[in-house]
Amino acid sequence: MAATPAVRALERARVAHTLHTYDPEHAEGHGYGEAAVAALGQDPRQVFKTLVARVDGVLTVAVVP
């Protein structure tokens, strides 16, 4: 699996982390987030999407339920 820029940054910084992989297929009428939560067998109230962006040259992080 190809690493995302965020995963590569964690690896360069030697930050301990765990990747949770799942099949990205999802049922029609359900979004990717709901499909990921179901595939991982997790409580949707405890799963968050982390978005990392560079804004005006500064890394910015957003955590979305």
PDB file of N, CA and C in Angstrom:
ATOM      1  N   MET A   1       0.849  -1.175   0.000  1.00  0.00           N
ATOM      2  CA  MET A   1       0.000   0.000   0.000  1.00  0.00           C
ATOM      3  C   MET A   1       0.891   1.234   0.000  1.00  0.00           C
ATOM      4  N   ALA A   2       0.550   2.197  -0.831  1.00  0.00           N
ATOM      5  CA  ALA A   2       1.320   3.437  -0.901  1.00  0.00           C
ATOM      6  C   ALA A   2       1.011   4.302   0.311  1.00  0.00           C
ATOM      7  N   ALA A   3       2.050   4.853   0.890  1.00  0.00           N
ATOM      8  CA  ALA A   3       1.873   5.709   2.065  1.00  0.00           C
ATOM      9  C   ALA A   3       1.400   7.096   1.634  1.00  0.00           C
ATOM     10  N   THR A   4       0.542   7.672   2.433  1.00  0.00           N
ATOM     11  CA  THR A   4       0.101   9.044   2.190  1.00  0.00           C
ATOM     12  C   THR A   4       1.194   9.991   2.678  1.00  0.00           C
ATOM     13  N   PRO A   5       1.133  11.261   2.295  1.00  0.00           N
ATOM     14  CA  PRO A   5       2.110  12.219   2.816  1.00  0.00           C
ATOM     15  C   PRO A   5       2.111  12.267   4.352  1.00  0.00           C
ATOM     16  N   ALA A   6       0.943  12.124   4.968  1.00  0.00           N
ATOM     17  CA  ALA A   6       0.867  12.156   6.434  1.00  0.00           C
ATOM     18  C   ALA A   6       1.593  10.960   7.043  1.00  0.00           C
ATOM     19  N   VAL A   7       1.425   9.783   6.444  1.00  0.00           N
ATOM     20  CA  VAL A   7       2.106   8.589   6.954  1.00  0.00           C
ATOM     21  C   VAL A   7       3.613   8.720   6.758  1.00  0.00           C
ATOM     22  N   ARG A   8       4.022   9.243   5.623  1.00  0.00           N
ATOM     23  CA  ARG A   8       5.461   9.437   5.392  1.00  0.00           C
ATOM     24  C   ARG A   8       6.043  10.411   6.419  1.00  0.00           C
ATOM     25  N   ALA A   9       5.295  11.461   6.763  1.00  0.00           N
ATOM     26  CA  ALA A   9       5.773  12.422   7.767  1.00  0.00           C
ATOM     27  C   ALA A   9       5.908  11.748   9.128  1.00  0.00           C
ATOM     28  N   LEU A  10       4.949  10.904   9.497  1.00  0.00           N
ATOM     29  CA  LEU A  10       5.043  10.166  10.760  1.00  0.00           C
ATOM     30  C   LEU A  10       6.282   9.275  10.777  1.00  0.00           C
ATOM     31  N   GLU A  11       6.508   8.598   9.665  1.00  0.00           N
ATOM     32  CA  GLU A  11       7.662   7.692   9.585  1.00  0.00           C
ATOM     33  C   GLU A  11       8.976   8.470   9.672  1.00  0.00           C
ATOM     34  N   ARG A  12       9.064   9.599   8.968  1.00  0.00           N
ATOM     35  CA  ARG A  12      10.289  10.418   9.026  1.00  0.00           C
ATOM     36  C   ARG A  12      10.550  10.907  10.442  1.00  0.00           C
ATOM     37  N   ALA A  13       9.474  11.268  11.148  1.00  0.00           N
ATOM     38  CA  ALA A  13       9.607  11.781  12.517  1.00  0.00           C
ATOM     39  C   ALA A  13       9.718  10.654  13.543  1.00  0.00           C
ATOM     40  N   ARG A  14       9.636   9.414  13.068  1.00  0.00           N
ATOM     41  CA  ARG A  14       9.702   8.235  13.936  1.00  0.00           C
ATOM     42  C   ARG A  14       8.629   8.263  15.034  1.00  0.00           C
ATOM     43  N   VAL A  15       7.430   8.664  14.616  1.00  0.00           N
ATOM     44  CA  VAL A  15       6.278   8.680  15.518  1.00  0.00           C
ATOM     45  C   VAL A  15       5.596   7.316  15.453  1.00  0.00           C
ATOM     46  N   ALA A  16       5.379   6.719  16.613  1.00  0.00           N
ATOM     47  CA  ALA A  16       4.680   5.432  16.652  1.00  0.00           C
ATOM     48  C   ALA A  16       3.244   5.630  16.168  1.00  0.00           C
ATOM     49  N   HIS A  17       2.793   4.756  15.302  1.00  0.00           N
ATOM     50  CA  HIS A  17       1.433   4.850  14.785  1.00  0.00           C
ATOM     51  C   HIS A  17       0.983   3.471  14.308  1.00  0.00           C
ATOM     52  N   THR A  18      -0.320   3.333  14.135  1.00  0.00           N
ATOM     53  CA  THR A  18      -0.895   2.093  13.636  1.00  0.00           C
ATOM     54  C   THR A  18      -1.835   2.430  12.491  1.00  0.00           C
ATOM     55  N   LEU A  19      -1.673   1.755  11.371  1.00  0.00           N
ATOM     56  CA  LEU A  19      -2.581   1.940  10.243  1.00  0.00           C
ATOM     57  C   LEU A  19      -3.692   0.910  10.331  1.00  0.00           C
ATOM     58  N   HIS A  20      -4.908   1.338  10.096  1.00  0.00           N
ATOM     59  CA  HIS A  20      -6.069   0.446  10.089  1.00  0.00           C
ATOM     60  C   HIS A  20      -6.579   0.410   8.652  1.00  0.00           C
ATOM     61  N   THR A  21      -6.368  -0.687   7.973  1.00  0.00           N
ATOM     62  CA  THR A  21      -6.774  -0.781   6.570  1.00  0.00           C
ATOM     63  C   THR A  21      -8.148  -1.437   6.449  1.00  0.00           C
ATOM     64  N   TYR A  22      -8.807  -1.151   5.352  1.00  0.00           N
ATOM     65  CA  TYR A  22     -10.122  -1.719   5.084  1.00  0.00           C
ATOM     66  C   TYR A  22     -10.376  -1.662   3.590  1.00  0.00           C
ATOM     67  N   ASP A  23     -11.337  -2.438   3.121  1.00  0.00           N
ATOM     68  CA  ASP A  23     -11.736  -2.433   1.722  1.00  0.00           C
ATOM     69  C   ASP A  23     -12.560  -1.169   1.475  1.00  0.00           C
ATOM     70  N   PRO A  24     -12.150  -0.318   0.555  1.00  0.00           N
ATOM     71  CA  PRO A  24     -12.843   0.960   0.366  1.00  0.00           C
ATOM     72  C   PRO A  24     -14.189   0.864  -0.340  1.00  0.00           C
ATOM     73  N   GLU A  25     -14.617  -0.329  -0.727  1.00  0.00           N
ATOM     74  CA  GLU A  25     -15.933  -0.466  -1.363  1.00  0.00           C
ATOM     75  C   GLU A  25     -17.012  -0.079  -0.353  1.00  0.00           C
ATOM     76  N   HIS A  26     -18.058   0.541  -0.834  1.00  0.00           N
ATOM     77  CA  HIS A  26     -19.147   0.899   0.071  1.00  0.00           C
ATOM     78  C   HIS A  26     -20.489   0.739  -0.635  1.00  0.00           C
ATOM     79  N   ALA A  27     -21.495   0.486   0.178  1.00  0.00           N
ATOM     80  CA  ALA A  27     -22.842   0.284  -0.359  1.00  0.00           C
ATOM     81  C   ALA A  27     -23.378   1.600  -0.920  1.00  0.00           C
ATOM     82  N   GLU A  28     -24.148   1.486  -1.978  1.00  0.00           N
ATOM     83  CA  GLU A  28     -24.739   2.678  -2.568  1.00  0.00           C
ATOM     84  C   GLU A  28     -25.615   3.387  -1.541  1.00  0.00           C
ATOM     85  N   GLY A  29     -25.551   4.684  -1.525  1.00  0.00           N
ATOM     86  CA  GLY A  29     -26.335   5.455  -0.575  1.00  0.00           C
ATOM     87  C   GLY A  29     -25.599   5.733   0.722  1.00  0.00           C
ATOM     88  N   HIS A  30     -24.412   5.163   0.877  1.00  0.00           N
ATOM     89  CA  HIS A  30     -23.604   5.415   2.072  1.00  0.00           C
ATOM     90  C   HIS A  30     -22.319   6.109   1.648  1.00  0.00           C
ATOM     91  N   GLY A  31     -21.873   7.031   2.461  1.00  0.00           N
ATOM     92  CA  GLY A  31     -20.644   7.738   2.165  1.00  0.00           C
ATOM     93  C   GLY A  31     -19.423   6.926   2.561  1.00  0.00           C
ATOM     94  N   TYR A  32     -18.260   7.426   2.203  1.00  0.00           N
ATOM     95  CA  TYR A  32     -17.011   6.737   2.500  1.00  0.00           C
ATOM     96  C   TYR A  32     -16.766   6.618   4.000  1.00  0.00           C
ATOM     97  N   GLY A  33     -17.110   7.655   4.743  1.00  0.00           N
ATOM     98  CA  GLY A  33     -16.904   7.609   6.195  1.00  0.00           C
ATOM     99  C   GLY A  33     -17.708   6.507   6.848  1.00  0.00           C
ATOM    100  N   GLU A  34     -18.973   6.422   6.502  1.00  0.00           N
ATOM    101  CA  GLU A  34     -19.831   5.383   7.067  1.00  0.00           C
ATOM    102  C   GLU A  34     -19.335   3.997   6.672  1.00  0.00           C
ATOM    103  N   ALA A  35     -18.888   3.856   5.421  1.00  0.00           N
ATOM    104  CA  ALA A  35     -18.375   2.567   4.953  1.00  0.00           C
ATOM    105  C   ALA A  35     -17.103   2.182   5.704  1.00  0.00           C
ATOM    106  N   ALA A  36     -16.234   3.142   5.947  1.00  0.00           N
ATOM    107  CA  ALA A  36     -14.988   2.866   6.676  1.00  0.00           C
ATOM    108  C   ALA A  36     -15.290   2.426   8.099  1.00  0.00           C
ATOM    109  N   VAL A  37     -16.196   3.121   8.765  1.00  0.00           N
ATOM    110  CA  VAL A  37     -16.560   2.766  10.139  1.00  0.00           C
ATOM    111  C   VAL A  37     -17.126   1.351  10.185  1.00  0.00           C
ATOM    112  N   ALA A  38     -18.017   1.031   9.252  1.00  0.00           N
ATOM    113  CA  ALA A  38     -18.617  -0.304   9.227  1.00  0.00           C
ATOM    114  C   ALA A  38     -17.555  -1.369   8.932  1.00  0.00           C
ATOM    115  N   ALA A  39     -16.676  -1.109   7.964  1.00  0.00           N
ATOM    116  CA  ALA A  39     -15.645  -2.087   7.596  1.00  0.00           C
ATOM    117  C   ALA A  39     -14.675  -2.333   8.748  1.00  0.00           C
ATOM    118  N   LEU A  40     -14.416  -1.303   9.540  1.00  0.00           N
ATOM    119  CA  LEU A  40     -13.501  -1.435  10.675  1.00  0.00           C
ATOM    120  C   LEU A  40     -14.201  -1.958  11.923  1.00  0.00           C
ATOM    121  N   GLY A  41     -15.537  -2.044  11.865  1.00  0.00           N
ATOM    122  CA  GLY A  41     -16.292  -2.552  13.008  1.00  0.00           C
ATOM    123  C   GLY A  41     -16.208  -1.643  14.225  1.00  0.00           C
ATOM    124  N   GLN A  42     -16.196  -0.342  13.987  1.00  0.00           N
ATOM    125  CA  GLN A  42     -16.032   0.624  15.076  1.00  0.00           C
ATOM    126  C   GLN A  42     -17.319   1.391  15.351  1.00  0.00           C
ATOM    127  N   ASP A  43     -17.341   2.047  16.495  1.00  0.00           N
ATOM    128  CA  ASP A  43     -18.447   2.917  16.881  1.00  0.00           C
ATOM    129  C   ASP A  43     -18.267   4.250  16.140  1.00  0.00           C
ATOM    130  N   PRO A  44     -19.230   4.662  15.319  1.00  0.00           N
ATOM    131  CA  PRO A  44     -19.061   5.897  14.542  1.00  0.00           C
ATOM    132  C   PRO A  44     -18.868   7.140  15.418  1.00  0.00           C
ATOM    133  N   ARG A  45     -19.253   7.071  16.678  1.00  0.00           N
ATOM    134  CA  ARG A  45     -19.059   8.223  17.573  1.00  0.00           C
ATOM    135  C   ARG A  45     -17.608   8.348  18.027  1.00  0.00           C
ATOM    136  N   GLN A  46     -16.791   7.328  17.704  1.00  0.00           N
ATOM    137  CA  GLN A  46     -15.394   7.350  18.147  1.00  0.00           C
ATOM    138  C   GLN A  46     -14.401   7.312  16.991  1.00  0.00           C
ATOM    139  N   VAL A  47     -14.888   7.522  15.777  1.00  0.00           N
ATOM    140  CA  VAL A  47     -14.009   7.490  14.608  1.00  0.00           C
ATOM    141  C   VAL A  47     -13.979   8.887  13.999  1.00  0.00           C
ATOM    142  N   PHE A  48     -12.778   9.360  13.714  1.00  0.00           N
ATOM    143  CA  PHE A  48     -12.604  10.708  13.183  1.00  0.00           C
ATOM    144  C   PHE A  48     -11.712  10.671  11.948  1.00  0.00           C
ATOM    145  N   LYS A  49     -12.002  11.521  11.011  1.00  0.00           N
ATOM    146  CA  LYS A  49     -11.170  11.683   9.818  1.00  0.00           C
ATOM    147  C   LYS A  49     -10.207  12.823  10.103  1.00  0.00           C
ATOM    148  N   THR A  50      -8.949  12.573   9.872  1.00  0.00           N
ATOM    149  CA  THR A  50      -7.944  13.616  10.062  1.00  0.00           C
ATOM    150  C   THR A  50      -7.549  14.156   8.703  1.00  0.00           C
ATOM    151  N   LEU A  51      -7.693  15.441   8.535  1.00  0.00           N
ATOM    152  CA  LEU A  51      -7.319  16.103   7.292  1.00  0.00           C
ATOM    153  C   LEU A  51      -6.098  16.976   7.566  1.00  0.00           C
ATOM    154  N   VAL A  52      -5.085  16.849   6.741  1.00  0.00           N
ATOM    155  CA  VAL A  52      -3.875  17.653   6.880  1.00  0.00           C
ATOM    156  C   VAL A  52      -3.698  18.450   5.596  1.00  0.00           C
ATOM    157  N   ALA A  53      -3.508  19.746   5.739  1.00  0.00           N
ATOM    158  CA  ALA A  53      -3.329  20.607   4.575  1.00  0.00           C
ATOM    159  C   ALA A  53      -2.240  21.638   4.869  1.00  0.00           C
ATOM    160  N   ARG A  54      -1.631  22.133   3.819  1.00  0.00           N
ATOM    161  CA  ARG A  54      -0.675  23.212   3.973  1.00  0.00           C
ATOM    162  C   ARG A  54      -1.422  24.494   3.590  1.00  0.00           C
ATOM    163  N   VAL A  55      -1.548  25.409   4.533  1.00  0.00           N
ATOM    164  CA  VAL A  55      -2.254  26.665   4.313  1.00  0.00           C
ATOM    165  C   VAL A  55      -1.257  27.801   4.512  1.00  0.00           C
ATOM    166  N   ASP A  56      -1.032  28.570   3.478  1.00  0.00           N
ATOM    167  CA  ASP A  56      -0.054  29.664   3.529  1.00  0.00           C
ATOM    168  C   ASP A  56       1.291  29.185   4.045  1.00  0.00           C
ATOM    169  N   GLY A  57       1.690  27.974   3.629  1.00  0.00           N
ATOM    170  CA  GLY A  57       2.985  27.435   3.999  1.00  0.00           C
ATOM    171  C   GLY A  57       3.053  26.770   5.368  1.00  0.00           C
ATOM    172  N   VAL A  58       1.939  26.722   6.077  1.00  0.00           N
ATOM    173  CA  VAL A  58       1.899  26.150   7.413  1.00  0.00           C
ATOM    174  C   VAL A  58       1.013  24.898   7.407  1.00  0.00           C
ATOM    175  N   LEU A  59       1.501  23.806   7.996  1.00  0.00           N
ATOM    176  CA  LEU A  59       0.660  22.618   8.088  1.00  0.00           C
ATOM    177  C   LEU A  59      -0.503  22.890   9.018  1.00  0.00           C
ATOM    178  N   THR A  60      -1.691  22.515   8.571  1.00  0.00           N
ATOM    179  CA  THR A  60      -2.915  22.713   9.326  1.00  0.00           C
ATOM    180  C   THR A  60      -3.626  21.372   9.434  1.00  0.00           C
ATOM    181  N   VAL A  61      -4.170  21.075  10.595  1.00  0.00           N
ATOM    182  CA  VAL A  61      -4.839  19.798  10.824  1.00  0.00           C
ATOM    183  C   VAL A  61      -6.291  20.061  11.217  1.00  0.00           C
ATOM    184  N   ALA A  62      -7.189  19.286  10.625  1.00  0.00           N
ATOM    185  CA  ALA A  62      -8.601  19.322  11.001  1.00  0.00           C
ATOM    186  C   ALA A  62      -9.016  17.900  11.364  1.00  0.00           C
ATOM    187  N   VAL A  63      -9.791  17.787  12.420  1.00  0.00           N
ATOM    188  CA  VAL A  63     -10.310  16.481  12.842  1.00  0.00           C
ATOM    189  C   VAL A  63     -11.830  16.561  12.695  1.00  0.00           C
ATOM    190  N   VAL A  64     -12.367  15.650  11.871  1.00  0.00           N
ATOM    191  CA  VAL A  64     -13.780  15.692  11.519  1.00  0.00           C
ATOM    192  C   VAL A  64     -14.445  14.401  11.995  1.00  0.00           C
ATOM    193  N   PRO A  65     -15.561  14.519  12.775  1.00  0.00           N
ATOM    194  CA  PRO A  65     -16.260  13.285  13.195  1.00  0.00           C
ATOM    195  C   PRO A  65     -16.935  12.604  12.010  1.00  0.00           C
TER     196      PRO A  65
END
